[in-house]
């Protein structure tokens, strides 16, 4: 029985890029959070522009405030003297639980990457673009009519 469940779960993930569903977003509130002093503040503005270009391409409104937040979060992982960053793309929003109807704030999409940074300009931007490309591909796939 255990093998059957593992096989079913594996097959499901083979056809879906993540276990999350990205059906039509009317709007998102874009955020970029960098939780390390090893990444200069100028990257927040660069990453925000990249995030905005992807949401514009997908037709997702980012003007004003939205209950749905789309965030890129970067933090450092201490591994000796190497600069290793964990970069995550998160979508979070208020949702209603099925069992009791309570409204809770939940992460409704998450994808991350851990990378050693050798060239700050290339590595950080490449990682952000990798995460956003995966999101874009799944968003397009989930919204095909």
N, C-alpha and C. Protein backbone atom coordinates (compact mmCIF):
# COMPACT_ATOMS: atom_id res chain seq x y z
N UNK A 1 0.82 -1.19 0.00
CA UNK A 1 0.00 0.00 0.00
C UNK A 1 0.87 1.26 0.00
N UNK A 2 1.94 1.22 0.80
CA UNK A 2 2.84 2.36 0.89
C UNK A 2 3.50 2.64 -0.47
N UNK A 3 3.90 1.59 -1.16
CA UNK A 3 4.53 1.73 -2.48
C UNK A 3 3.54 2.33 -3.47
N UNK A 4 2.29 1.92 -3.40
CA UNK A 4 1.26 2.46 -4.29
C UNK A 4 1.07 3.96 -4.09
N UNK A 5 1.04 4.39 -2.84
CA UNK A 5 0.89 5.82 -2.55
C UNK A 5 2.10 6.62 -3.02
N UNK A 6 3.28 6.10 -2.79
CA UNK A 6 4.50 6.78 -3.24
C UNK A 6 4.52 6.87 -4.76
N UNK A 7 4.15 5.81 -5.44
CA UNK A 7 4.10 5.80 -6.91
C UNK A 7 3.08 6.81 -7.42
N UNK A 8 1.91 6.85 -6.81
CA UNK A 8 0.87 7.80 -7.21
C UNK A 8 1.33 9.24 -7.01
N UNK A 9 1.94 9.51 -5.87
CA UNK A 9 2.45 10.86 -5.59
C UNK A 9 3.53 11.25 -6.59
N UNK A 10 4.44 10.35 -6.89
CA UNK A 10 5.52 10.60 -7.85
C UNK A 10 4.97 10.89 -9.24
N UNK A 11 4.01 10.11 -9.66
CA UNK A 11 3.39 10.32 -10.99
C UNK A 11 2.68 11.67 -11.05
N UNK A 12 2.02 12.04 -9.97
CA UNK A 12 1.34 13.33 -9.93
C UNK A 12 2.34 14.47 -10.08
N UNK A 13 3.45 14.37 -9.39
CA UNK A 13 4.46 15.43 -9.46
C UNK A 13 5.19 15.46 -10.79
N UNK A 14 5.24 14.34 -11.50
CA UNK A 14 5.91 14.31 -12.80
C UNK A 14 5.19 15.22 -13.79
N UNK A 15 3.87 15.33 -13.67
CA UNK A 15 3.09 16.12 -14.62
C UNK A 15 2.83 17.53 -14.13
N UNK A 16 2.99 17.78 -12.88
CA UNK A 16 2.84 19.13 -12.34
C UNK A 16 4.22 19.63 -11.96
N UNK A 17 4.47 20.91 -12.21
CA UNK A 17 5.77 21.45 -11.88
C UNK A 17 5.95 21.59 -10.37
N UNK A 18 4.87 21.90 -9.68
CA UNK A 18 4.86 21.93 -8.21
C UNK A 18 3.49 21.41 -7.78
N UNK A 19 3.31 21.11 -6.51
CA UNK A 19 1.98 20.65 -6.07
C UNK A 19 0.98 21.80 -5.92
N UNK A 20 1.36 23.02 -6.31
CA UNK A 20 0.50 24.19 -6.17
C UNK A 20 -0.26 24.45 -7.46
N UNK A 21 -1.40 25.12 -7.33
CA UNK A 21 -2.22 25.48 -8.48
C UNK A 21 -2.16 27.00 -8.65
N UNK A 22 -1.85 27.43 -9.87
CA UNK A 22 -1.69 28.86 -10.13
C UNK A 22 -2.75 29.37 -11.10
N UNK A 23 -4.01 29.15 -10.77
CA UNK A 23 -5.05 29.66 -11.65
C UNK A 23 -5.12 31.18 -11.51
N UNK A 24 -5.76 31.79 -12.46
CA UNK A 24 -5.75 33.24 -12.69
C UNK A 24 -5.60 34.10 -11.43
N UNK A 25 -4.52 34.84 -11.39
CA UNK A 25 -4.31 35.85 -10.36
C UNK A 25 -4.76 37.18 -10.96
N UNK A 26 -5.66 37.88 -10.31
CA UNK A 26 -6.03 39.20 -10.80
C UNK A 26 -4.93 40.20 -10.44
N UNK A 27 -4.39 40.05 -9.23
CA UNK A 27 -3.36 40.99 -8.78
C UNK A 27 -2.51 40.34 -7.70
N UNK A 28 -1.32 40.91 -7.52
CA UNK A 28 -0.43 40.52 -6.43
C UNK A 28 0.24 41.77 -5.90
N UNK A 29 0.69 41.68 -4.67
CA UNK A 29 1.49 42.75 -4.07
C UNK A 29 2.94 42.26 -4.07
N UNK A 30 3.80 42.84 -4.93
CA UNK A 30 5.18 42.34 -5.03
C UNK A 30 6.05 42.80 -3.86
N UNK A 31 6.87 41.88 -3.37
CA UNK A 31 7.79 42.18 -2.28
C UNK A 31 9.14 41.55 -2.57
N UNK A 32 10.20 42.23 -2.17
CA UNK A 32 11.54 41.66 -2.22
C UNK A 32 12.15 41.91 -0.85
N UNK A 33 12.53 40.84 -0.19
CA UNK A 33 13.13 40.92 1.14
C UNK A 33 14.51 40.26 1.10
N UNK A 34 15.52 41.01 1.51
CA UNK A 34 16.89 40.49 1.57
C UNK A 34 17.32 40.52 3.03
N UNK A 35 17.49 39.34 3.61
CA UNK A 35 17.79 39.22 5.03
C UNK A 35 19.25 38.88 5.29
N UNK A 36 20.14 39.59 4.62
CA UNK A 36 21.56 39.43 4.89
C UNK A 36 22.28 40.71 4.46
N UNK A 37 23.30 41.07 5.20
CA UNK A 37 24.08 42.26 4.83
C UNK A 37 25.13 41.91 3.77
N UNK A 38 25.22 40.65 3.38
CA UNK A 38 26.18 40.23 2.35
C UNK A 38 25.70 40.59 0.94
N UNK A 39 24.42 40.90 0.79
CA UNK A 39 23.87 41.30 -0.50
C UNK A 39 23.59 42.79 -0.44
N UNK A 40 24.27 43.59 -1.28
CA UNK A 40 24.07 45.05 -1.25
C UNK A 40 22.61 45.44 -1.52
N UNK A 41 22.15 46.53 -0.91
CA UNK A 41 20.76 46.98 -1.06
C UNK A 41 20.34 47.25 -2.51
N UNK A 42 21.28 47.55 -3.39
CA UNK A 42 20.93 47.84 -4.79
C UNK A 42 20.23 46.64 -5.46
N UNK A 43 20.45 45.44 -4.96
CA UNK A 43 19.83 44.26 -5.56
C UNK A 43 18.33 44.20 -5.31
N UNK A 44 17.87 44.82 -4.25
CA UNK A 44 16.43 44.85 -3.98
C UNK A 44 15.70 45.55 -5.14
N UNK A 45 16.25 46.67 -5.59
CA UNK A 45 15.63 47.41 -6.70
C UNK A 45 15.73 46.61 -8.00
N UNK A 46 16.89 46.00 -8.26
CA UNK A 46 17.05 45.19 -9.48
C UNK A 46 16.06 44.03 -9.51
N UNK A 47 15.94 43.33 -8.40
CA UNK A 47 15.05 42.16 -8.33
C UNK A 47 13.59 42.59 -8.43
N UNK A 48 13.25 43.72 -7.83
CA UNK A 48 11.89 44.25 -7.92
C UNK A 48 11.51 44.52 -9.38
N UNK A 49 12.44 45.09 -10.14
CA UNK A 49 12.18 45.36 -11.57
C UNK A 49 11.99 44.06 -12.35
N UNK A 50 12.79 43.05 -12.05
CA UNK A 50 12.66 41.75 -12.72
C UNK A 50 11.31 41.12 -12.38
N UNK A 51 10.95 41.15 -11.10
CA UNK A 51 9.66 40.60 -10.65
C UNK A 51 8.51 41.31 -11.37
N UNK A 52 8.60 42.62 -11.46
CA UNK A 52 7.55 43.41 -12.13
C UNK A 52 7.46 43.05 -13.61
N UNK A 53 8.59 42.83 -14.27
CA UNK A 53 8.55 42.50 -15.70
C UNK A 53 7.87 41.15 -15.92
N UNK A 54 8.08 40.20 -15.04
CA UNK A 54 7.43 38.89 -15.17
C UNK A 54 5.92 39.00 -14.91
N UNK A 55 5.53 39.75 -13.88
CA UNK A 55 4.10 39.88 -13.61
C UNK A 55 3.41 40.63 -14.75
N UNK A 56 4.07 41.64 -15.31
CA UNK A 56 3.50 42.37 -16.46
C UNK A 56 3.31 41.43 -17.64
N UNK A 57 4.32 40.60 -17.89
CA UNK A 57 4.25 39.65 -19.01
C UNK A 57 3.08 38.68 -18.85
N UNK A 58 2.80 38.30 -17.61
CA UNK A 58 1.71 37.35 -17.34
C UNK A 58 0.35 38.03 -17.19
N UNK A 59 0.34 39.35 -17.23
CA UNK A 59 -0.91 40.08 -17.10
C UNK A 59 -1.42 40.15 -15.67
N UNK A 60 -0.52 40.08 -14.71
CA UNK A 60 -0.89 40.15 -13.29
C UNK A 60 -0.68 41.59 -12.83
N UNK A 61 -1.73 42.20 -12.30
CA UNK A 61 -1.69 43.59 -11.86
C UNK A 61 -0.87 43.71 -10.56
N UNK A 62 0.05 44.67 -10.53
CA UNK A 62 0.85 44.90 -9.31
C UNK A 62 0.67 46.32 -8.78
N UNK A 63 -0.30 47.05 -9.31
CA UNK A 63 -0.53 48.43 -8.87
C UNK A 63 -1.41 48.40 -7.61
N UNK A 64 -1.04 49.20 -6.65
CA UNK A 64 -1.82 49.25 -5.42
C UNK A 64 -1.57 48.05 -4.52
N UNK A 65 -2.47 47.88 -3.58
CA UNK A 65 -2.33 46.79 -2.61
C UNK A 65 -3.20 45.62 -3.00
N UNK A 66 -2.69 44.42 -2.81
CA UNK A 66 -3.45 43.20 -3.06
C UNK A 66 -3.33 42.31 -1.83
N UNK A 67 -4.37 41.54 -1.54
CA UNK A 67 -4.34 40.59 -0.43
C UNK A 67 -3.36 39.45 -0.70
N UNK A 68 -3.01 39.25 -1.98
CA UNK A 68 -2.10 38.18 -2.37
C UNK A 68 -0.69 38.78 -2.52
N UNK A 69 0.24 38.32 -1.73
CA UNK A 69 1.62 38.80 -1.80
C UNK A 69 2.47 37.82 -2.61
N UNK A 70 3.31 38.38 -3.47
CA UNK A 70 4.28 37.58 -4.22
C UNK A 70 5.66 38.09 -3.82
N UNK A 71 6.41 37.25 -3.13
CA UNK A 71 7.65 37.71 -2.52
C UNK A 71 8.85 36.90 -2.98
N UNK A 72 9.95 37.60 -3.15
CA UNK A 72 11.24 36.95 -3.32
C UNK A 72 12.02 37.24 -2.04
N UNK A 73 12.41 36.18 -1.36
CA UNK A 73 13.09 36.31 -0.08
C UNK A 73 14.47 35.68 -0.20
N UNK A 74 15.49 36.45 0.19
CA UNK A 74 16.87 35.98 0.11
C UNK A 74 17.48 36.05 1.50
N UNK A 75 18.09 34.93 1.91
CA UNK A 75 18.83 34.93 3.16
C UNK A 75 20.09 34.09 3.01
N UNK A 76 21.01 34.30 3.93
CA UNK A 76 22.32 33.63 3.88
C UNK A 76 22.28 32.35 4.70
N UNK A 77 22.96 31.34 4.16
CA UNK A 77 23.16 30.10 4.90
C UNK A 77 24.65 30.04 5.23
N UNK A 78 24.98 29.91 6.49
CA UNK A 78 26.38 29.92 6.92
C UNK A 78 27.03 28.57 6.64
N UNK A 79 27.95 28.57 5.68
CA UNK A 79 28.74 27.38 5.36
C UNK A 79 30.19 27.86 5.24
N UNK A 80 30.88 27.83 6.34
CA UNK A 80 32.27 28.28 6.34
C UNK A 80 32.38 29.73 5.87
N UNK A 81 33.36 29.98 5.02
CA UNK A 81 33.58 31.33 4.49
C UNK A 81 32.89 31.56 3.16
N UNK A 82 32.23 30.53 2.65
CA UNK A 82 31.53 30.67 1.37
C UNK A 82 30.27 31.48 1.54
N UNK A 83 29.91 32.22 0.48
CA UNK A 83 28.64 32.94 0.49
C UNK A 83 27.61 32.05 -0.19
N UNK A 84 26.72 31.48 0.60
CA UNK A 84 25.67 30.61 0.09
C UNK A 84 24.34 31.28 0.43
N UNK A 85 23.51 31.47 -0.60
CA UNK A 85 22.22 32.14 -0.41
C UNK A 85 21.07 31.19 -0.70
N UNK A 86 20.04 31.32 0.10
CA UNK A 86 18.78 30.63 -0.15
C UNK A 86 17.82 31.68 -0.70
N UNK A 87 17.32 31.42 -1.89
CA UNK A 87 16.39 32.35 -2.53
C UNK A 87 15.07 31.62 -2.71
N UNK A 88 13.98 32.26 -2.28
CA UNK A 88 12.66 31.65 -2.37
C UNK A 88 11.68 32.59 -3.05
N UNK A 89 10.82 32.01 -3.86
CA UNK A 89 9.70 32.73 -4.44
C UNK A 89 8.45 32.20 -3.75
N UNK A 90 7.72 33.10 -3.10
CA UNK A 90 6.54 32.71 -2.33
C UNK A 90 5.32 33.51 -2.78
N UNK A 91 4.19 32.85 -2.80
CA UNK A 91 2.91 33.54 -2.96
C UNK A 91 2.11 33.18 -1.72
N UNK A 92 1.56 34.19 -1.06
CA UNK A 92 0.78 33.93 0.14
C UNK A 92 -0.47 34.81 0.13
N UNK A 93 -1.51 34.30 0.74
CA UNK A 93 -2.79 35.01 0.71
C UNK A 93 -3.71 34.47 1.79
N UNK A 94 -4.79 35.20 2.03
CA UNK A 94 -5.82 34.72 2.95
C UNK A 94 -6.65 33.66 2.24
N UNK A 95 -6.86 32.53 2.91
CA UNK A 95 -7.69 31.45 2.37
C UNK A 95 -8.62 30.95 3.48
N UNK A 96 -9.71 30.30 3.05
CA UNK A 96 -10.64 29.71 4.02
C UNK A 96 -10.37 28.22 4.12
N UNK A 97 -10.25 27.74 5.34
CA UNK A 97 -10.09 26.31 5.56
C UNK A 97 -11.40 25.61 5.29
N UNK A 98 -11.31 24.41 4.71
CA UNK A 98 -12.52 23.66 4.38
C UNK A 98 -13.24 23.12 5.61
N UNK A 99 -12.47 22.69 6.61
CA UNK A 99 -13.11 22.01 7.74
C UNK A 99 -13.88 22.95 8.67
N UNK A 100 -13.34 24.14 8.93
CA UNK A 100 -14.04 25.02 9.88
C UNK A 100 -14.36 26.40 9.31
N UNK A 101 -13.98 26.67 8.06
CA UNK A 101 -14.30 27.94 7.43
C UNK A 101 -13.50 29.12 7.94
N UNK A 102 -12.54 28.87 8.80
CA UNK A 102 -11.73 29.96 9.34
C UNK A 102 -10.83 30.53 8.24
N UNK A 103 -10.67 31.85 8.25
CA UNK A 103 -9.80 32.50 7.28
C UNK A 103 -8.39 32.57 7.87
N UNK A 104 -7.42 32.05 7.12
CA UNK A 104 -6.03 32.01 7.58
C UNK A 104 -5.12 32.52 6.49
N UNK A 105 -3.96 32.98 6.87
CA UNK A 105 -2.96 33.44 5.91
C UNK A 105 -2.08 32.24 5.58
N UNK A 106 -1.98 31.89 4.29
CA UNK A 106 -1.28 30.67 3.91
C UNK A 106 -0.34 30.91 2.75
N UNK A 107 0.71 30.11 2.68
CA UNK A 107 1.59 30.09 1.52
C UNK A 107 0.92 29.21 0.48
N UNK A 108 0.61 29.80 -0.68
CA UNK A 108 -0.11 29.05 -1.71
C UNK A 108 0.80 28.69 -2.89
N UNK A 109 2.05 29.13 -2.85
CA UNK A 109 3.05 28.72 -3.83
C UNK A 109 4.41 28.93 -3.19
N UNK A 110 5.32 28.00 -3.43
CA UNK A 110 6.67 28.14 -2.91
C UNK A 110 7.64 27.38 -3.80
N UNK A 111 8.72 28.03 -4.14
CA UNK A 111 9.81 27.38 -4.88
C UNK A 111 11.09 28.05 -4.40
N UNK A 112 12.12 27.27 -4.22
CA UNK A 112 13.36 27.84 -3.71
C UNK A 112 14.59 27.24 -4.36
N UNK A 113 15.70 27.90 -4.11
CA UNK A 113 16.98 27.45 -4.64
C UNK A 113 18.07 27.86 -3.65
N UNK A 114 19.05 27.02 -3.51
CA UNK A 114 20.22 27.33 -2.68
C UNK A 114 21.43 27.33 -3.59
N UNK A 115 22.21 28.41 -3.54
CA UNK A 115 23.35 28.49 -4.45
C UNK A 115 24.54 29.19 -3.80
N UNK A 116 25.71 28.72 -4.19
CA UNK A 116 26.94 29.38 -3.77
C UNK A 116 27.16 30.56 -4.71
N UNK A 117 27.45 31.71 -4.13
CA UNK A 117 27.60 32.93 -4.91
C UNK A 117 29.08 33.18 -5.18
N UNK A 118 29.44 33.13 -6.45
CA UNK A 118 30.81 33.42 -6.86
C UNK A 118 30.88 34.79 -7.53
N UNK A 119 29.89 35.08 -8.37
CA UNK A 119 29.80 36.36 -9.05
C UNK A 119 28.43 36.94 -8.68
N UNK A 120 28.44 37.92 -7.78
CA UNK A 120 27.20 38.45 -7.23
C UNK A 120 26.22 38.90 -8.31
N UNK A 121 26.69 39.67 -9.29
CA UNK A 121 25.79 40.19 -10.33
C UNK A 121 25.11 39.08 -11.11
N UNK A 122 25.85 38.07 -11.48
CA UNK A 122 25.27 37.00 -12.29
C UNK A 122 24.47 36.01 -11.46
N UNK A 123 25.02 35.56 -10.37
CA UNK A 123 24.43 34.45 -9.62
C UNK A 123 23.08 34.79 -8.99
N UNK A 124 22.97 35.95 -8.38
CA UNK A 124 21.70 36.32 -7.75
C UNK A 124 20.61 36.50 -8.80
N UNK A 125 20.92 37.25 -9.84
CA UNK A 125 19.93 37.50 -10.89
C UNK A 125 19.55 36.20 -11.60
N UNK A 126 20.53 35.34 -11.88
CA UNK A 126 20.23 34.05 -12.52
C UNK A 126 19.28 33.21 -11.67
N UNK A 127 19.51 33.20 -10.37
CA UNK A 127 18.65 32.43 -9.47
C UNK A 127 17.23 32.98 -9.45
N UNK A 128 17.11 34.29 -9.36
CA UNK A 128 15.78 34.92 -9.36
C UNK A 128 15.06 34.62 -10.68
N UNK A 129 15.77 34.75 -11.79
CA UNK A 129 15.14 34.48 -13.09
C UNK A 129 14.76 33.01 -13.24
N UNK A 130 15.57 32.11 -12.70
CA UNK A 130 15.24 30.68 -12.73
C UNK A 130 13.92 30.42 -12.00
N UNK A 131 13.77 31.00 -10.80
CA UNK A 131 12.56 30.81 -10.02
C UNK A 131 11.34 31.42 -10.72
N UNK A 132 11.52 32.60 -11.29
CA UNK A 132 10.41 33.26 -11.97
C UNK A 132 10.04 32.56 -13.28
N UNK A 133 11.02 32.00 -13.98
CA UNK A 133 10.72 31.24 -15.21
C UNK A 133 9.90 30.00 -14.89
N UNK A 134 10.25 29.30 -13.81
CA UNK A 134 9.46 28.13 -13.40
C UNK A 134 8.04 28.53 -13.03
N UNK A 135 7.92 29.64 -12.31
CA UNK A 135 6.59 30.15 -11.95
C UNK A 135 5.81 30.49 -13.22
N UNK A 136 6.45 31.20 -14.13
CA UNK A 136 5.79 31.61 -15.38
C UNK A 136 5.32 30.41 -16.18
N UNK A 137 6.18 29.41 -16.32
CA UNK A 137 5.81 28.21 -17.08
C UNK A 137 4.59 27.53 -16.46
N UNK A 138 4.60 27.37 -15.15
CA UNK A 138 3.47 26.72 -14.48
C UNK A 138 2.22 27.59 -14.55
N UNK A 139 2.37 28.90 -14.40
CA UNK A 139 1.22 29.81 -14.46
C UNK A 139 0.54 29.71 -15.83
N UNK A 140 1.35 29.71 -16.88
CA UNK A 140 0.81 29.60 -18.24
C UNK A 140 0.11 28.25 -18.42
N UNK A 141 0.77 27.17 -17.97
CA UNK A 141 0.19 25.84 -18.08
C UNK A 141 -1.13 25.71 -17.31
N UNK A 142 -1.16 26.25 -16.08
CA UNK A 142 -2.36 26.15 -15.26
C UNK A 142 -3.51 27.01 -15.77
N UNK A 143 -3.22 28.01 -16.60
CA UNK A 143 -4.25 28.91 -17.09
C UNK A 143 -4.60 28.70 -18.55
N UNK A 144 -4.11 27.61 -19.16
CA UNK A 144 -4.49 27.31 -20.55
C UNK A 144 -5.97 26.97 -20.58
N UNK A 145 -6.62 27.44 -21.62
CA UNK A 145 -8.07 27.17 -21.72
C UNK A 145 -8.37 26.16 -22.77
